PDB file of all heavy atoms in Angstrom:
ATOM      1  N   SER A   1       0.849  -1.180   0.003  1.00  0.00           N
ATOM      2  CA  SER A   1      -0.013   0.001  -0.002  1.00  0.00           C
ATOM      3  C   SER A   1       0.886   1.211   0.022  1.00  0.00           C
ATOM      4  O   SER A   1       1.663   1.466   0.917  1.00  0.00           O
ATOM      5  CB  SER A   1      -0.894  -0.026   1.252  1.00  0.00           C
ATOM      6  OG  SER A   1      -1.699   1.177   1.282  1.00  0.00           O
ATOM      7  N   LEU A   2       0.790   2.004  -1.059  1.00  0.00           N
ATOM      8  CA  LEU A   2       1.605   3.202  -1.207  1.00  0.00           C
ATOM      9  C   LEU A   2       0.765   4.352  -1.725  1.00  0.00           C
ATOM     10  O   LEU A   2       0.222   4.293  -2.846  1.00  0.00           O
ATOM     11  CB  LEU A   2       2.766   2.886  -2.188  1.00  0.00           C
ATOM     12  CG  LEU A   2       3.807   3.985  -2.438  1.00  0.00           C
ATOM     13  CD1 LEU A   2       4.436   4.437  -1.137  1.00  0.00           C
ATOM     14  CD2 LEU A   2       4.854   3.469  -3.375  1.00  0.00           C
ATOM     15  N   LYS A   3       0.641   5.402  -0.936  1.00  0.00           N
ATOM     16  CA  LYS A   3      -0.222   6.523  -1.300  1.00  0.00           C
ATOM     17  C   LYS A   3       0.627   7.786  -1.477  1.00  0.00           C
ATOM     18  O   LYS A   3       1.510   8.082  -0.662  1.00  0.00           O
ATOM     19  CB  LYS A   3      -1.250   6.805  -0.189  1.00  0.00           C
ATOM     20  CG  LYS A   3      -1.937   5.538   0.345  1.00  0.00           C
ATOM     21  CD  LYS A   3      -2.697   4.813  -0.722  1.00  0.00           C
ATOM     22  CE  LYS A   3      -3.407   3.566  -0.102  1.00  0.00           C
ATOM     23  NZ  LYS A   3      -4.023   2.698  -1.133  1.00  0.00           N
ATOM     24  N   PHE A   4       0.332   8.537  -2.577  1.00  0.00           N
ATOM     25  CA  PHE A   4       1.073   9.768  -2.865  1.00  0.00           C
ATOM     26  C   PHE A   4       0.189  10.996  -2.865  1.00  0.00           C
ATOM     27  O   PHE A   4      -0.937  10.927  -3.298  1.00  0.00           O
ATOM     28  CB  PHE A   4       1.727   9.667  -4.257  1.00  0.00           C
ATOM     29  CG  PHE A   4       2.912   8.729  -4.297  1.00  0.00           C
ATOM     30  CD1 PHE A   4       2.805   7.480  -4.896  1.00  0.00           C
ATOM     31  CD2 PHE A   4       4.156   9.097  -3.770  1.00  0.00           C
ATOM     32  CE1 PHE A   4       3.908   6.639  -4.979  1.00  0.00           C
ATOM     33  CE2 PHE A   4       5.258   8.244  -3.862  1.00  0.00           C
ATOM     34  CZ  PHE A   4       5.129   7.006  -4.434  1.00  0.00           C
ATOM     35  N   ARG A   5       0.741  12.084  -2.391  1.00  0.00           N
ATOM     36  CA  ARG A   5       0.116  13.402  -2.591  1.00  0.00           C
ATOM     37  C   ARG A   5       0.918  14.046  -3.688  1.00  0.00           C
ATOM     38  O   ARG A   5       2.128  14.305  -3.573  1.00  0.00           O
ATOM     39  CB  ARG A   5       0.178  14.233  -1.318  1.00  0.00           C
ATOM     40  CG  ARG A   5      -0.387  15.655  -1.504  1.00  0.00           C
ATOM     41  CD  ARG A   5      -1.844  15.599  -1.805  1.00  0.00           C
ATOM     42  NE  ARG A   5      -2.468  16.912  -1.902  1.00  0.00           N
ATOM     43  CZ  ARG A   5      -2.697  17.632  -3.020  1.00  0.00           C
ATOM     44  NH1 ARG A   5      -2.330  17.115  -4.180  1.00  0.00           N
ATOM     45  NH2 ARG A   5      -3.276  18.793  -2.978  1.00  0.00           N
ATOM     46  N   GLU A   6       0.259  14.351  -4.790  1.00  0.00           N
ATOM     47  CA  GLU A   6       0.911  14.931  -5.955  1.00  0.00           C
ATOM     48  C   GLU A   6       0.948  16.475  -5.814  1.00  0.00           C
ATOM     49  O   GLU A   6      -0.035  17.091  -5.443  1.00  0.00           O
ATOM     50  CB  GLU A   6       0.209  14.557  -7.226  1.00  0.00           C
ATOM     51  CG  GLU A   6       1.009  14.747  -8.507  1.00  0.00           C
ATOM     52  CD  GLU A   6       0.883  16.175  -9.059  1.00  0.00           C
ATOM     53  OE1 GLU A   6      -0.160  16.835  -8.771  1.00  0.00           O
ATOM     54  OE2 GLU A   6       1.785  16.630  -9.793  1.00  0.00           O
ATOM     55  N   VAL A   7       2.129  17.079  -6.125  1.00  0.00           N
ATOM     56  CA  VAL A   7       2.265  18.507  -6.131  1.00  0.00           C
ATOM     57  C   VAL A   7       2.769  18.941  -7.494  1.00  0.00           C
ATOM     58  O   VAL A   7       3.862  18.522  -7.905  1.00  0.00           O
ATOM     59  CB  VAL A   7       3.230  19.012  -5.035  1.00  0.00           C
ATOM     60  CG1 VAL A   7       3.468  20.494  -5.151  1.00  0.00           C
ATOM     61  CG2 VAL A   7       2.688  18.671  -3.623  1.00  0.00           C
ATOM     62  N   SER A   8       1.940  19.716  -8.196  1.00  0.00           N
ATOM     63  CA  SER A   8       2.410  20.279  -9.472  1.00  0.00           C
ATOM     64  C   SER A   8       3.080  21.619  -9.170  1.00  0.00           C
ATOM     65  O   SER A   8       2.449  22.642  -9.005  1.00  0.00           O
ATOM     66  CB  SER A   8       1.171  20.472 -10.398  1.00  0.00           C
ATOM     67  OG  SER A   8       1.597  21.063 -11.619  1.00  0.00           O
ATOM     68  N   ALA A   9       4.409  21.557  -9.144  1.00  0.00           N
ATOM     69  CA  ALA A   9       5.193  22.716  -8.721  1.00  0.00           C
ATOM     70  C   ALA A   9       5.604  23.612  -9.893  1.00  0.00           C
ATOM     71  O   ALA A   9       6.797  23.820 -10.148  1.00  0.00           O
ATOM     72  CB  ALA A   9       6.408  22.260  -7.929  1.00  0.00           C
ATOM     73  N   GLY A  10       4.614  24.062 -10.651  1.00  0.00           N
ATOM     74  CA  GLY A  10       4.888  24.912 -11.796  1.00  0.00           C
ATOM     75  C   GLY A  10       4.967  24.154 -13.097  1.00  0.00           C
ATOM     76  O   GLY A  10       5.521  24.677 -14.087  1.00  0.00           O
ATOM     77  N   GLY A  11       4.438  22.946 -13.166  1.00  0.00           N
ATOM     78  CA  GLY A  11       4.543  22.159 -14.380  1.00  0.00           C
ATOM     79  C   GLY A  11       3.558  22.564 -15.446  1.00  0.00           C
ATOM     80  O   GLY A  11       2.614  23.363 -15.210  1.00  0.00           O
ATOM     81  N   CYS A  12       3.727  21.964 -16.650  1.00  0.00           N
ATOM     82  CA  CYS A  12       2.861  22.305 -17.793  1.00  0.00           C
ATOM     83  C   CYS A  12       1.641  21.356 -17.891  1.00  0.00           C
ATOM     84  O   CYS A  12       0.846  21.481 -18.811  1.00  0.00           O
ATOM     85  CB  CYS A  12       3.665  22.210 -19.071  1.00  0.00           C
ATOM     86  SG  CYS A  12       4.167  20.529 -19.518  1.00  0.00           S
ATOM     87  N   ASN A  13       1.559  20.406 -16.993  1.00  0.00           N
ATOM     88  CA  ASN A  13       0.468  19.419 -16.896  1.00  0.00           C
ATOM     89  C   ASN A  13       0.704  18.175 -17.769  1.00  0.00           C
ATOM     90  O   ASN A  13      -0.117  17.254 -17.783  1.00  0.00           O
ATOM     91  CB  ASN A  13      -0.883  20.003 -17.301  1.00  0.00           C
ATOM     92  CG  ASN A  13      -2.040  19.260 -16.690  1.00  0.00           C
ATOM     93  OD1 ASN A  13      -1.971  18.872 -15.535  1.00  0.00           O
ATOM     94  ND2 ASN A  13      -3.119  19.047 -17.448  1.00  0.00           N
ATOM     95  N   ALA A  14       1.832  18.074 -18.473  1.00  0.00           N
ATOM     96  CA  ALA A  14       2.146  16.877 -19.226  1.00  0.00           C
ATOM     97  C   ALA A  14       2.483  15.693 -18.316  1.00  0.00           C
ATOM     98  O   ALA A  14       1.950  14.596 -18.469  1.00  0.00           O
ATOM     99  CB  ALA A  14       3.259  17.116 -20.204  1.00  0.00           C
ATOM    100  N   CYS A  15       3.366  15.917 -17.382  1.00  0.00           N
ATOM    101  CA  CYS A  15       3.742  14.822 -16.428  1.00  0.00           C
ATOM    102  C   CYS A  15       2.534  14.462 -15.571  1.00  0.00           C
ATOM    103  O   CYS A  15       2.341  13.299 -15.233  1.00  0.00           O
ATOM    104  CB  CYS A  15       4.898  15.267 -15.578  1.00  0.00           C
ATOM    105  SG  CYS A  15       6.447  15.456 -16.389  1.00  0.00           S
ATOM    106  N   GLU A  16       1.748  15.454 -15.204  1.00  0.00           N
ATOM    107  CA  GLU A  16       0.581  15.194 -14.415  1.00  0.00           C
ATOM    108  C   GLU A  16      -0.425  14.319 -15.188  1.00  0.00           C
ATOM    109  O   GLU A  16      -1.021  13.389 -14.646  1.00  0.00           O
ATOM    110  CB  GLU A  16      -0.108  16.510 -13.999  1.00  0.00           C
ATOM    111  CG  GLU A  16       0.706  17.402 -13.066  1.00  0.00           C
ATOM    112  CD  GLU A  16       1.664  18.310 -13.822  1.00  0.00           C
ATOM    113  OE1 GLU A  16       1.996  18.028 -15.010  1.00  0.00           O
ATOM    114  OE2 GLU A  16       2.121  19.304 -13.233  1.00  0.00           O
ATOM    115  N   ALA A  17      -0.572  14.618 -16.488  1.00  0.00           N
ATOM    116  CA  ALA A  17      -1.508  13.844 -17.333  1.00  0.00           C
ATOM    117  C   ALA A  17      -1.087  12.390 -17.464  1.00  0.00           C
ATOM    118  O   ALA A  17      -1.896  11.466 -17.339  1.00  0.00           O
ATOM    119  CB  ALA A  17      -1.640  14.513 -18.658  1.00  0.00           C
ATOM    120  N   ASP A  18       0.228  12.167 -17.708  1.00  0.00           N
ATOM    121  CA  ASP A  18       0.685  10.808 -17.877  1.00  0.00           C
ATOM    122  C   ASP A  18       0.732  10.051 -16.537  1.00  0.00           C
ATOM    123  O   ASP A  18       0.624   8.793 -16.567  1.00  0.00           O
ATOM    124  CB  ASP A  18       2.079  10.797 -18.538  1.00  0.00           C
ATOM    125  CG  ASP A  18       1.964  10.850 -20.040  1.00  0.00           C
ATOM    126  OD1 ASP A  18       0.886  11.108 -20.538  1.00  0.00           O
ATOM    127  OD2 ASP A  18       2.990  10.585 -20.741  1.00  0.00           O
ATOM    128  N   SER A  19       0.856  10.748 -15.465  1.00  0.00           N
ATOM    129  CA  SER A  19       0.736  10.058 -14.188  1.00  0.00           C
ATOM    130  C   SER A  19      -0.708   9.655 -13.953  1.00  0.00           C
ATOM    131  O   SER A  19      -1.037   8.565 -13.435  1.00  0.00           O
ATOM    132  CB  SER A  19       1.200  11.007 -13.041  1.00  0.00           C
ATOM    133  OG  SER A  19       2.562  11.356 -13.171  1.00  0.00           O
ATOM    134  N   ASN A  20      -1.618  10.537 -14.311  1.00  0.00           N
ATOM    135  CA  ASN A  20      -3.061  10.275 -14.114  1.00  0.00           C
ATOM    136  C   ASN A  20      -3.564   9.116 -14.997  1.00  0.00           C
ATOM    137  O   ASN A  20      -4.466   8.388 -14.624  1.00  0.00           O
ATOM    138  CB  ASN A  20      -3.851  11.529 -14.437  1.00  0.00           C
ATOM    139  CG  ASN A  20      -5.339  11.370 -14.126  1.00  0.00           C
ATOM    140  OD1 ASN A  20      -5.738  11.124 -12.961  1.00  0.00           O
ATOM    141  ND2 ASN A  20      -6.185  11.509 -15.122  1.00  0.00           N
ATOM    142  N   VAL A  21      -2.911   8.944 -16.154  1.00  0.00           N
ATOM    143  CA  VAL A  21      -3.281   7.818 -17.048  1.00  0.00           C
ATOM    144  C   VAL A  21      -3.195   6.484 -16.295  1.00  0.00           C
ATOM    145  O   VAL A  21      -3.982   5.535 -16.576  1.00  0.00           O
ATOM    146  CB  VAL A  21      -2.409   7.843 -18.306  1.00  0.00           C
ATOM    147  CG1 VAL A  21      -2.455   6.488 -19.049  1.00  0.00           C
ATOM    148  CG2 VAL A  21      -2.785   8.968 -19.238  1.00  0.00           C
ATOM    149  N   LEU A  22      -2.245   6.368 -15.395  1.00  0.00           N
ATOM    150  CA  LEU A  22      -2.072   5.093 -14.654  1.00  0.00           C
ATOM    151  C   LEU A  22      -3.255   4.757 -13.810  1.00  0.00           C
ATOM    152  O   LEU A  22      -3.410   3.570 -13.394  1.00  0.00           O
ATOM    153  CB  LEU A  22      -0.808   5.192 -13.793  1.00  0.00           C
ATOM    154  CG  LEU A  22       0.528   5.222 -14.579  1.00  0.00           C
ATOM    155  CD1 LEU A  22       1.643   5.522 -13.612  1.00  0.00           C
ATOM    156  CD2 LEU A  22       0.771   3.930 -15.291  1.00  0.00           C
ATOM    157  N   THR A  23      -4.105   5.699 -13.501  1.00  0.00           N
ATOM    158  CA  THR A  23      -5.249   5.405 -12.651  1.00  0.00           C
ATOM    159  C   THR A  23      -6.471   4.983 -13.471  1.00  0.00           C
ATOM    160  O   THR A  23      -7.500   4.595 -12.901  1.00  0.00           O
ATOM    161  CB  THR A  23      -5.646   6.652 -11.826  1.00  0.00           C
ATOM    162  OG1 THR A  23      -6.108   7.674 -12.701  1.00  0.00           O
ATOM    163  CG2 THR A  23      -4.489   7.170 -11.037  1.00  0.00           C
ATOM    164  N   THR A  24      -6.341   4.958 -14.807  1.00  0.00           N
ATOM    165  CA  THR A  24      -7.462   4.530 -15.666  1.00  0.00           C
ATOM    166  C   THR A  24      -7.540   2.998 -15.701  1.00  0.00           C
ATOM    167  O   THR A  24      -6.655   2.278 -15.286  1.00  0.00           O
ATOM    168  CB  THR A  24      -7.283   5.093 -17.088  1.00  0.00           C
ATOM    169  OG1 THR A  24      -6.059   4.563 -17.665  1.00  0.00           O
ATOM    170  CG2 THR A  24      -7.179   6.608 -17.076  1.00  0.00           C
ATOM    171  N   ILE A  25      -8.605   2.517 -16.304  1.00  0.00           N
ATOM    172  CA  ILE A  25      -8.884   1.086 -16.277  1.00  0.00           C
ATOM    173  C   ILE A  25      -7.845   0.289 -17.087  1.00  0.00           C
ATOM    174  O   ILE A  25      -7.568  -0.883 -16.789  1.00  0.00           O
ATOM    175  CB  ILE A  25     -10.296   0.825 -16.858  1.00  0.00           C
ATOM    176  CG1 ILE A  25     -10.701  -0.640 -16.621  1.00  0.00           C
ATOM    177  CG2 ILE A  25     -10.344   1.193 -18.346  1.00  0.00           C
ATOM    178  CD1 ILE A  25     -12.110  -0.944 -16.976  1.00  0.00           C
ATOM    179  N   GLY A  26      -7.198   0.949 -18.070  1.00  0.00           N
ATOM    180  CA  GLY A  26      -6.230   0.204 -18.881  1.00  0.00           C
ATOM    181  C   GLY A  26      -4.936  -0.138 -18.101  1.00  0.00           C
ATOM    182  O   GLY A  26      -4.387  -1.162 -18.322  1.00  0.00           O
ATOM    183  N   TRP A  27      -4.571   0.737 -17.171  1.00  0.00           N
ATOM    184  CA  TRP A  27      -3.367   0.528 -16.414  1.00  0.00           C
ATOM    185  C   TRP A  27      -3.706   0.029 -14.974  1.00  0.00           C
ATOM    186  O   TRP A  27      -2.992  -0.823 -14.460  1.00  0.00           O
ATOM    187  CB  TRP A  27      -2.532   1.787 -16.315  1.00  0.00           C
ATOM    188  CG  TRP A  27      -1.959   2.219 -17.616  1.00  0.00           C
ATOM    189  CD1 TRP A  27      -2.631   3.008 -18.544  1.00  0.00           C
ATOM    190  CD2 TRP A  27      -0.718   1.949 -18.159  1.00  0.00           C
ATOM    191  NE1 TRP A  27      -1.803   3.213 -19.621  1.00  0.00           N
ATOM    192  CE2 TRP A  27      -0.630   2.574 -19.410  1.00  0.00           C
ATOM    193  CE3 TRP A  27       0.375   1.172 -17.725  1.00  0.00           C
ATOM    194  CZ2 TRP A  27       0.478   2.452 -20.270  1.00  0.00           C
ATOM    195  CZ3 TRP A  27       1.497   1.102 -18.539  1.00  0.00           C
ATOM    196  CH2 TRP A  27       1.561   1.695 -19.767  1.00  0.00           C
ATOM    197  N   ASP A  28      -4.738   0.604 -14.348  1.00  0.00           N
ATOM    198  CA  ASP A  28      -5.216   0.198 -13.067  1.00  0.00           C
ATOM    199  C   ASP A  28      -4.098   0.133 -12.022  1.00  0.00           C
ATOM    200  O   ASP A  28      -3.779  -0.900 -11.462  1.00  0.00           O
ATOM    201  CB  ASP A  28      -5.922  -1.162 -13.159  1.00  0.00           C
ATOM    202  CG  ASP A  28      -6.689  -1.476 -11.864  1.00  0.00           C
ATOM    203  OD1 ASP A  28      -6.895  -0.545 -11.037  1.00  0.00           O
ATOM    204  OD2 ASP A  28      -7.105  -2.625 -11.694  1.00  0.00           O
ATOM    205  N   LEU A  29      -3.543   1.319 -11.705  1.00  0.00           N
ATOM    206  CA  LEU A  29      -2.454   1.431 -10.747  1.00  0.00           C
ATOM    207  C   LEU A  29      -2.888   0.892  -9.373  1.00  0.00           C
ATOM    208  O   LEU A  29      -2.079   0.385  -8.601  1.00  0.00           O
ATOM    209  CB  LEU A  29      -2.028   2.916 -10.615  1.00  0.00           C
ATOM    210  CG  LEU A  29      -0.821   3.243  -9.747  1.00  0.00           C
ATOM    211  CD1 LEU A  29       0.433   2.584 -10.376  1.00  0.00           C
ATOM    212  CD2 LEU A  29      -0.647   4.742  -9.637  1.00  0.00           C
ATOM    213  N   GLY A  30      -4.211   0.985  -9.058  1.00  0.00           N
ATOM    214  CA  GLY A  30      -4.699   0.580  -7.756  1.00  0.00           C
ATOM    215  C   GLY A  30      -4.536  -0.926  -7.483  1.00  0.00           C
ATOM    216  O   GLY A  30      -4.513  -1.326  -6.333  1.00  0.00           O
ATOM    217  N   ARG A  31      -4.325  -1.725  -8.559  1.00  0.00           N
ATOM    218  CA  ARG A  31      -4.180  -3.184  -8.318  1.00  0.00           C
ATOM    219  C   ARG A  31      -2.837  -3.486  -7.614  1.00  0.00           C
ATOM    220  O   ARG A  31      -2.658  -4.578  -7.079  1.00  0.00           O
ATOM    221  CB  ARG A  31      -4.265  -3.965  -9.647  1.00  0.00           C
ATOM    222  CG  ARG A  31      -3.221  -3.574 -10.657  1.00  0.00           C
ATOM    223  CD  ARG A  31      -3.506  -4.164 -12.026  1.00  0.00           C
ATOM    224  NE  ARG A  31      -2.812  -3.484 -13.075  1.00  0.00           N
ATOM    225  CZ  ARG A  31      -2.067  -4.103 -13.992  1.00  0.00           C
ATOM    226  NH1 ARG A  31      -1.911  -5.427 -13.969  1.00  0.00           N
ATOM    227  NH2 ARG A  31      -1.483  -3.399 -14.936  1.00  0.00           N
ATOM    228  N   PHE A  32      -1.946  -2.515  -7.594  1.00  0.00           N
ATOM    229  CA  PHE A  32      -0.658  -2.677  -6.878  1.00  0.00           C
ATOM    230  C   PHE A  32      -0.685  -1.949  -5.516  1.00  0.00           C
ATOM    231  O   PHE A  32       0.336  -1.876  -4.858  1.00  0.00           O
ATOM    232  CB  PHE A  32       0.484  -2.128  -7.722  1.00  0.00           C
ATOM    233  CG  PHE A  32       0.546  -2.691  -9.140  1.00  0.00           C
ATOM    234  CD1 PHE A  32       0.196  -1.936 -10.228  1.00  0.00           C
ATOM    235  CD2 PHE A  32       0.938  -4.018  -9.326  1.00  0.00           C
ATOM    236  CE1 PHE A  32       0.250  -2.458 -11.489  1.00  0.00           C
ATOM    237  CE2 PHE A  32       0.960  -4.556 -10.595  1.00  0.00           C
ATOM    238  CZ  PHE A  32       0.642  -3.785 -11.685  1.00  0.00           C
ATOM    239  N   GLY A  33      -1.835  -1.497  -5.164  1.00  0.00           N
ATOM    240  CA  GLY A  33      -1.978  -0.759  -3.900  1.00  0.00           C
ATOM    241  C   GLY A  33      -1.437   0.648  -3.934  1.00  0.00           C
ATOM    242  O   GLY A  33      -1.210   1.286  -2.894  1.00  0.00           O
TER     243      GLY A  33
END
């Protein structure tokens, strides 16, 4: 079980978007806790 608080420290939202993709059904990051 590993939980993160994400901080966008002046980013353009590209890294944030690709991180968020992992939470979708295709990747399902939650299956790894």
